[in-house]
N, C-alpha and C. Protein backbone atom coordinates (compact mmCIF):
# COMPACT_ATOMS: atom_id res chain seq x y z
N ARG A 1 53.25 26.08 117.67
CA ARG A 1 52.79 26.94 116.56
C ARG A 1 52.08 28.01 116.34
N ALA A 2 50.61 26.73 117.29
CA ALA A 2 49.04 27.65 116.75
C ALA A 2 49.15 28.14 118.26
N ARG A 3 49.46 27.72 119.51
CA ARG A 3 49.95 27.59 121.10
C ARG A 3 50.75 29.86 120.56
N ALA A 4 51.20 29.54 120.53
CA ALA A 4 52.28 31.09 120.25
C ALA A 4 51.90 31.96 119.60
N GLU A 5 51.27 32.10 118.38
CA GLU A 5 50.01 32.47 117.61
C GLU A 5 49.03 33.30 118.16
N TRP A 6 47.93 31.65 118.78
CA TRP A 6 47.83 31.92 119.20
C TRP A 6 47.43 33.87 120.66
N ALA A 7 48.25 33.22 121.20
CA ALA A 7 49.53 33.64 123.04
C ALA A 7 49.54 35.40 122.07
N GLY A 8 50.33 34.93 121.00
CA GLY A 8 50.35 37.20 120.11
C GLY A 8 49.41 37.97 120.44
N LEU A 9 48.19 37.31 119.79
CA LEU A 9 46.98 37.19 119.42
C LEU A 9 46.10 37.72 120.24
N SER A 10 46.33 37.41 121.21
CA SER A 10 45.62 37.67 122.30
C SER A 10 46.59 38.50 122.82
N VAL A 11 47.85 38.63 123.14
CA VAL A 11 48.32 39.80 124.71
C VAL A 11 48.43 41.32 122.92
N GLY A 12 48.37 41.15 121.71
CA GLY A 12 48.37 42.06 121.09
C GLY A 12 47.06 43.34 120.91
N LEU A 13 45.94 42.50 121.02
CA LEU A 13 44.36 42.24 121.48
C LEU A 13 43.85 43.09 123.06
N LEU A 14 44.82 42.22 123.55
CA LEU A 14 45.04 43.05 124.97
C LEU A 14 45.88 44.26 125.11
N ALA A 15 46.90 44.58 124.50
CA ALA A 15 48.15 46.30 124.08
C ALA A 15 47.15 46.48 123.37
N VAL A 16 46.12 46.70 122.15
CA VAL A 16 45.36 47.42 121.57
C VAL A 16 43.62 48.20 123.20
N MET A 17 43.75 47.18 123.37
CA MET A 17 42.25 47.73 124.21
C MET A 17 42.32 48.40 125.48
N PHE A 18 44.43 48.27 126.28
CA PHE A 18 44.14 48.87 126.53
C PHE A 18 44.65 50.69 126.39
N LEU A 19 45.70 50.80 125.41
CA LEU A 19 45.41 51.76 125.02
C LEU A 19 44.03 52.36 124.55
N LEU A 20 43.53 51.93 123.67
CA LEU A 20 41.76 52.30 123.62
C LEU A 20 41.70 52.61 124.76
N SER A 21 40.86 52.25 125.79
CA SER A 21 40.36 52.80 127.05
C SER A 21 41.18 53.89 127.55
N GLN A 22 42.46 53.68 127.52
CA GLN A 22 43.29 55.04 128.38
C GLN A 22 43.57 55.92 126.81
N ALA A 23 42.89 55.94 126.16
CA ALA A 23 42.67 57.08 124.67
C ALA A 23 41.23 57.28 124.43
N VAL A 24 40.31 57.16 125.24
CA VAL A 24 38.96 57.32 125.74
C VAL A 24 39.03 56.87 127.15
N PRO A 25 38.56 57.80 127.87
CA PRO A 25 38.18 58.06 129.64
C PRO A 25 37.02 58.03 129.84
N PHE A 26 36.26 57.99 127.99
CA PHE A 26 34.25 58.39 128.35
C PHE A 26 34.22 57.23 126.96
N TYR A 27 33.90 56.28 127.31
CA TYR A 27 33.65 55.36 126.05
C TYR A 27 32.44 55.69 125.94
N ALA A 28 31.71 55.82 126.92
CA ALA A 28 30.03 55.67 127.34
C ALA A 28 29.64 56.43 126.01
N GLN A 29 30.48 58.64 125.97
CA GLN A 29 30.27 58.85 125.43
C GLN A 29 29.66 57.93 123.31
N LEU A 30 31.68 57.67 123.87
CA LEU A 30 32.44 56.91 122.54
C LEU A 30 31.13 56.35 121.81
N GLN A 31 30.37 55.79 122.67
CA GLN A 31 29.66 54.31 121.92
C GLN A 31 28.03 54.87 121.66
N ALA A 32 28.55 55.82 122.74
CA ALA A 32 27.23 57.10 121.83
C ALA A 32 27.95 57.56 120.61
N LEU A 33 28.22 58.26 120.46
CA LEU A 33 28.51 58.92 119.02
C LEU A 33 28.97 57.13 118.09
N VAL A 34 28.35 56.08 117.86
CA VAL A 34 29.07 54.95 117.19
C VAL A 34 27.82 54.41 117.39
N GLY A 35 26.65 54.41 118.54
CA GLY A 35 25.43 54.27 117.74
C GLY A 35 25.02 54.74 116.58
N ALA A 36 24.82 56.21 117.55
CA ALA A 36 24.12 57.04 117.00
C ALA A 36 24.49 56.95 115.42
N LEU A 37 25.30 56.98 114.84
CA LEU A 37 26.81 57.11 113.47
C LEU A 37 25.89 55.95 113.05
N PHE A 38 26.15 54.77 113.92
CA PHE A 38 25.80 53.62 112.85
C PHE A 38 23.85 52.38 113.43
N ILE A 39 23.24 52.97 114.73
CA ILE A 39 22.52 51.52 114.50
C ILE A 39 21.14 52.72 114.06
N ALA A 40 20.74 53.69 114.42
CA ALA A 40 19.32 54.95 113.69
C ALA A 40 19.71 54.07 112.26
N PRO A 41 20.67 54.54 111.62
CA PRO A 41 20.38 54.28 109.46
C PRO A 41 20.30 52.56 109.49
N LEU A 42 21.04 51.66 110.86
CA LEU A 42 20.93 50.46 109.65
C LEU A 42 19.43 50.35 110.03
N CYS A 43 19.01 50.29 111.23
CA CYS A 43 17.71 49.87 111.64
C CYS A 43 16.43 50.89 111.10
N ILE A 44 16.32 51.92 111.07
CA ILE A 44 15.71 53.06 110.49
C ILE A 44 15.52 52.86 109.41
N THR A 45 16.76 53.83 108.65
CA THR A 45 16.49 53.94 107.45
C THR A 45 15.98 53.29 106.09
N LEU A 46 18.09 52.89 106.73
CA LEU A 46 18.27 52.01 105.71
C LEU A 46 17.15 50.72 104.90
N PRO A 47 16.59 50.05 105.39
CA PRO A 47 15.05 48.32 105.81
C PRO A 47 14.72 50.26 104.21
N PRO A 48 13.32 50.98 104.47
CA PRO A 48 12.55 50.79 104.62
C PRO A 48 13.17 51.72 102.75
N ALA A 49 14.82 52.79 102.81
CA ALA A 49 15.51 52.43 101.73
C ALA A 49 14.96 51.84 100.06
N PHE A 50 15.76 50.68 100.91
CA PHE A 50 16.16 49.55 99.96
C PHE A 50 14.77 48.79 100.07
N TYR A 51 14.06 48.78 100.65
CA TYR A 51 12.47 48.12 100.48
C TYR A 51 12.27 49.45 98.99
N LEU A 52 12.18 50.19 98.44
CA LEU A 52 11.61 51.65 98.22
C LEU A 52 12.97 51.25 96.40
N ALA A 53 13.85 50.96 96.94
CA ALA A 53 14.91 50.72 95.92
C ALA A 53 14.45 50.15 95.03
N LEU A 54 14.16 48.38 96.03
CA LEU A 54 13.62 47.56 95.36
C LEU A 54 12.89 47.21 94.24
N ARG A 55 11.85 47.75 95.37
CA ARG A 55 10.36 48.21 94.27
C ARG A 55 10.81 48.70 92.90
N ALA A 56 11.53 49.61 93.16
CA ALA A 56 11.87 50.04 91.69
C ALA A 56 12.97 49.76 90.97
N ARG A 57 13.57 48.92 90.97
CA ARG A 57 14.35 48.40 89.99
C ARG A 57 13.49 47.61 89.56
N ALA A 58 12.73 46.21 90.49
CA ALA A 58 11.40 45.91 90.16
C ALA A 58 10.53 45.86 88.95
N GLN A 59 9.89 47.36 89.40
CA GLN A 59 9.41 48.04 88.55
C GLN A 59 7.96 47.64 89.60
N ARG A 60 8.17 47.27 90.00
CA ARG A 60 6.43 47.54 90.97
C ARG A 60 5.72 48.50 92.12
N LYS A 61 5.42 49.52 91.35
CA LYS A 61 4.46 50.46 91.48
C LYS A 61 4.96 50.02 93.29
N LEU A 62 3.68 51.40 94.62
CA LEU A 62 4.13 51.15 95.38
C LEU A 62 2.55 51.97 96.20
N HIS A 63 1.37 52.41 96.28
CA HIS A 63 0.77 52.64 97.10
C HIS A 63 1.15 53.90 97.06
N LEU A 64 0.50 55.38 97.11
CA LEU A 64 1.55 56.86 97.74
C LEU A 64 1.68 56.38 99.53
N GLY A 65 0.58 55.98 100.21
CA GLY A 65 0.26 55.62 101.26
C GLY A 65 1.68 55.02 102.06
N CYS A 66 1.83 53.58 101.55
CA CYS A 66 2.99 53.11 101.97
C CYS A 66 4.20 54.03 101.05
N ARG A 67 4.28 53.94 100.57
CA ARG A 67 5.18 54.59 100.24
C ARG A 67 6.05 56.05 101.59
N ALA A 68 4.47 57.21 101.22
CA ALA A 68 4.84 58.22 101.83
C ALA A 68 5.51 57.36 103.43
N ILE A 69 4.56 56.09 103.93
CA ILE A 69 4.79 55.89 105.56
C ILE A 69 6.01 55.55 105.72
N LEU A 70 6.81 54.76 104.33
CA LEU A 70 8.20 54.21 104.11
C LEU A 70 9.29 56.03 103.52
N VAL A 71 8.93 56.74 103.39
CA VAL A 71 10.19 57.98 103.98
C VAL A 71 9.77 58.68 104.64
N ALA A 72 8.60 58.59 105.47
CA ALA A 72 9.01 59.00 106.47
C ALA A 72 9.70 58.72 107.65
N MET A 73 9.77 56.83 107.59
CA MET A 73 10.88 56.06 108.45
C MET A 73 11.66 56.73 108.15
N ALA A 74 12.67 56.67 106.17
CA ALA A 74 13.41 57.46 105.94
C ALA A 74 13.96 58.40 107.39
N VAL A 75 13.59 59.38 107.23
CA VAL A 75 13.40 60.77 106.91
C VAL A 75 14.05 60.52 108.63
N PHE A 76 12.90 60.09 109.72
CA PHE A 76 12.89 59.84 110.62
C PHE A 76 14.05 59.08 111.02
N GLY A 77 14.22 58.18 110.08
CA GLY A 77 16.11 57.70 110.87
C GLY A 77 17.36 58.48 110.32
N ILE A 78 17.56 59.23 109.81
CA ILE A 78 18.38 60.55 109.52
C ILE A 78 18.18 61.92 110.51
N LEU A 79 16.64 61.56 111.62
CA LEU A 79 16.63 62.48 111.75
C LEU A 79 17.67 62.26 113.64
N LEU A 80 17.45 61.04 113.93
CA LEU A 80 17.44 60.23 114.96
C LEU A 80 18.94 60.60 114.97
N MET A 81 19.58 60.30 113.89
CA MET A 81 21.25 59.71 113.78
C MET A 81 21.56 60.97 113.63
N VAL A 82 21.36 62.67 112.89
CA VAL A 82 21.92 63.87 113.33
C VAL A 82 21.83 64.25 114.63
N LEU A 83 20.93 64.25 115.60
CA LEU A 83 20.57 64.37 116.98
C LEU A 83 21.45 63.21 118.28
N GLY A 84 21.23 62.41 117.53
CA GLY A 84 22.23 61.62 118.65
C GLY A 84 23.79 62.09 118.34
N LEU A 85 24.29 62.14 117.40
CA LEU A 85 25.37 62.43 117.08
C LEU A 85 26.19 63.68 117.14
N ILE A 86 24.43 65.05 117.39
CA ILE A 86 25.02 66.57 118.24
C ILE A 86 24.95 65.98 119.64
N ASN A 87 24.11 64.96 120.36
CA ASN A 87 23.98 65.29 121.05
C ASN A 87 25.73 64.33 122.21
N ALA A 88 26.03 63.57 121.39
CA ALA A 88 26.90 62.62 121.43
C ALA A 88 28.41 64.19 121.48
N VAL A 89 28.67 64.46 120.56
CA VAL A 89 29.71 65.20 120.36
C VAL A 89 29.63 66.38 121.81
N VAL A 90 29.05 66.93 121.29
CA VAL A 90 28.38 68.20 122.81
C VAL A 90 28.69 66.89 124.09
N ASN A 91 28.24 65.96 124.71
CA ASN A 91 29.12 65.00 126.06
C ASN A 91 30.55 64.60 126.05
N ILE A 92 30.71 64.39 124.39
CA ILE A 92 32.93 64.63 124.53
C ILE A 92 33.19 66.12 124.49
N VAL A 93 32.34 67.06 124.08
CA VAL A 93 32.54 68.07 124.60
C VAL A 93 32.50 68.89 126.39
N LEU A 94 31.83 67.94 126.52
CA LEU A 94 31.83 68.25 127.46
C LEU A 94 33.19 67.69 128.75
N GLU A 95 32.77 66.66 128.95
CA GLU A 95 33.91 65.72 129.32
C GLU A 95 35.08 66.45 129.37
N TRP A 96 35.40 66.47 127.56
CA TRP A 96 36.92 66.63 127.67
C TRP A 96 37.36 67.74 128.46
N GLU A 97 36.45 68.82 129.92
CA GLU A 97 36.56 69.61 130.52
C GLU A 97 37.78 68.60 130.93
N TYR A 98 36.83 67.05 131.85
CA TYR A 98 37.49 67.23 133.34
C TYR A 98 39.30 65.65 133.18
N SER A 99 38.34 65.13 131.98
CA SER A 99 38.98 64.14 131.06
C SER A 99 40.36 63.66 129.95
N LEU A 100 41.12 64.30 129.98
CA LEU A 100 41.96 63.88 128.75
C LEU A 100 42.82 62.84 128.86
N PRO A 101 42.86 62.68 127.42
CA PRO A 101 43.00 61.47 127.30
C PRO A 101 44.50 60.64 127.98
N PHE A 102 43.99 59.51 128.46
CA PHE A 102 45.44 59.83 128.86
C PHE A 102 46.20 59.59 130.14
N SER A 103 45.16 60.05 130.93
CA SER A 103 44.84 60.78 132.52
C SER A 103 43.83 59.51 133.77
N CYS A 104 43.88 59.74 134.74
CA CYS A 104 43.75 58.78 135.54
C CYS A 104 42.05 59.84 135.84
N LEU A 105 41.36 59.27 136.30
CA LEU A 105 39.90 60.19 137.20
C LEU A 105 39.85 61.32 137.88
N THR A 106 39.58 62.20 137.69
CA THR A 106 40.15 63.12 138.03
C THR A 106 38.95 63.08 140.01
N GLU A 107 38.93 63.94 140.76
CA GLU A 107 38.81 64.25 142.00
C GLU A 107 37.68 64.94 141.52
N ALA A 108 37.97 66.64 140.59
CA ALA A 108 36.71 67.21 139.98
C ALA A 108 35.46 67.11 139.24
N ARG A 109 36.17 65.64 138.86
CA ARG A 109 35.71 64.54 137.61
C ARG A 109 34.69 64.08 138.52
N PHE A 110 35.11 63.40 139.46
CA PHE A 110 35.03 62.33 140.00
C PHE A 110 33.29 62.53 141.56
N HIS A 111 33.35 64.18 141.25
CA HIS A 111 32.41 65.12 142.56
C HIS A 111 31.19 65.18 141.87
N SER A 112 32.23 65.58 140.53
CA SER A 112 30.74 66.53 139.49
C SER A 112 29.75 65.38 139.24
N HIS A 113 30.29 64.13 138.95
CA HIS A 113 28.76 62.82 139.15
C HIS A 113 28.49 62.53 139.70
N VAL A 114 28.80 62.71 141.47
CA VAL A 114 28.07 62.14 142.03
C VAL A 114 27.16 63.20 142.55
N SER A 115 27.52 65.12 142.26
CA SER A 115 26.62 65.44 142.82
C SER A 115 25.50 65.79 141.92
N ARG A 116 25.99 65.17 140.03
CA ARG A 116 24.92 65.01 139.30
C ARG A 116 24.05 63.08 139.69
N GLY A 117 24.77 62.33 139.99
CA GLY A 117 23.59 60.83 141.24
C GLY A 117 24.63 60.11 139.20
N THR A 118 25.89 60.22 138.79
CA THR A 118 26.15 59.77 137.57
C THR A 118 27.19 59.12 137.36
N HIS A 119 28.10 58.81 138.79
CA HIS A 119 28.74 58.40 138.53
C HIS A 119 29.23 56.88 138.55
N ASP A 120 30.35 56.60 137.75
CA ASP A 120 30.52 55.79 136.95
C ASP A 120 30.94 53.66 138.07
N GLU A 121 30.56 53.73 137.59
CA GLU A 121 31.06 51.82 138.06
C GLU A 121 32.09 51.34 137.28
């Protein structure tokens, strides 16, 4: 029974990954979108925001300079997230011209990537 469950989960996961890879022919741009949406907030924005919230909850004052640096870090993280999202969406729109979901790599896309020196391997 355990082997049948494992086999069923493996085949199901393989099918989902295949459908995802075919539906999203521009995986690098999708990865950039997800990275911009989650990495900047998780690594840059949320830590200082949480620290400021914890200090406020504990009613412990923070020096003005330290507070300014933490707020600047949070704003910088939000700015990075917005700029990353804009860049990822623009790249997805540009790639959409050459690759539609469930389509193969076209000659035009291949040659445009080769001429730009960015062909995927």
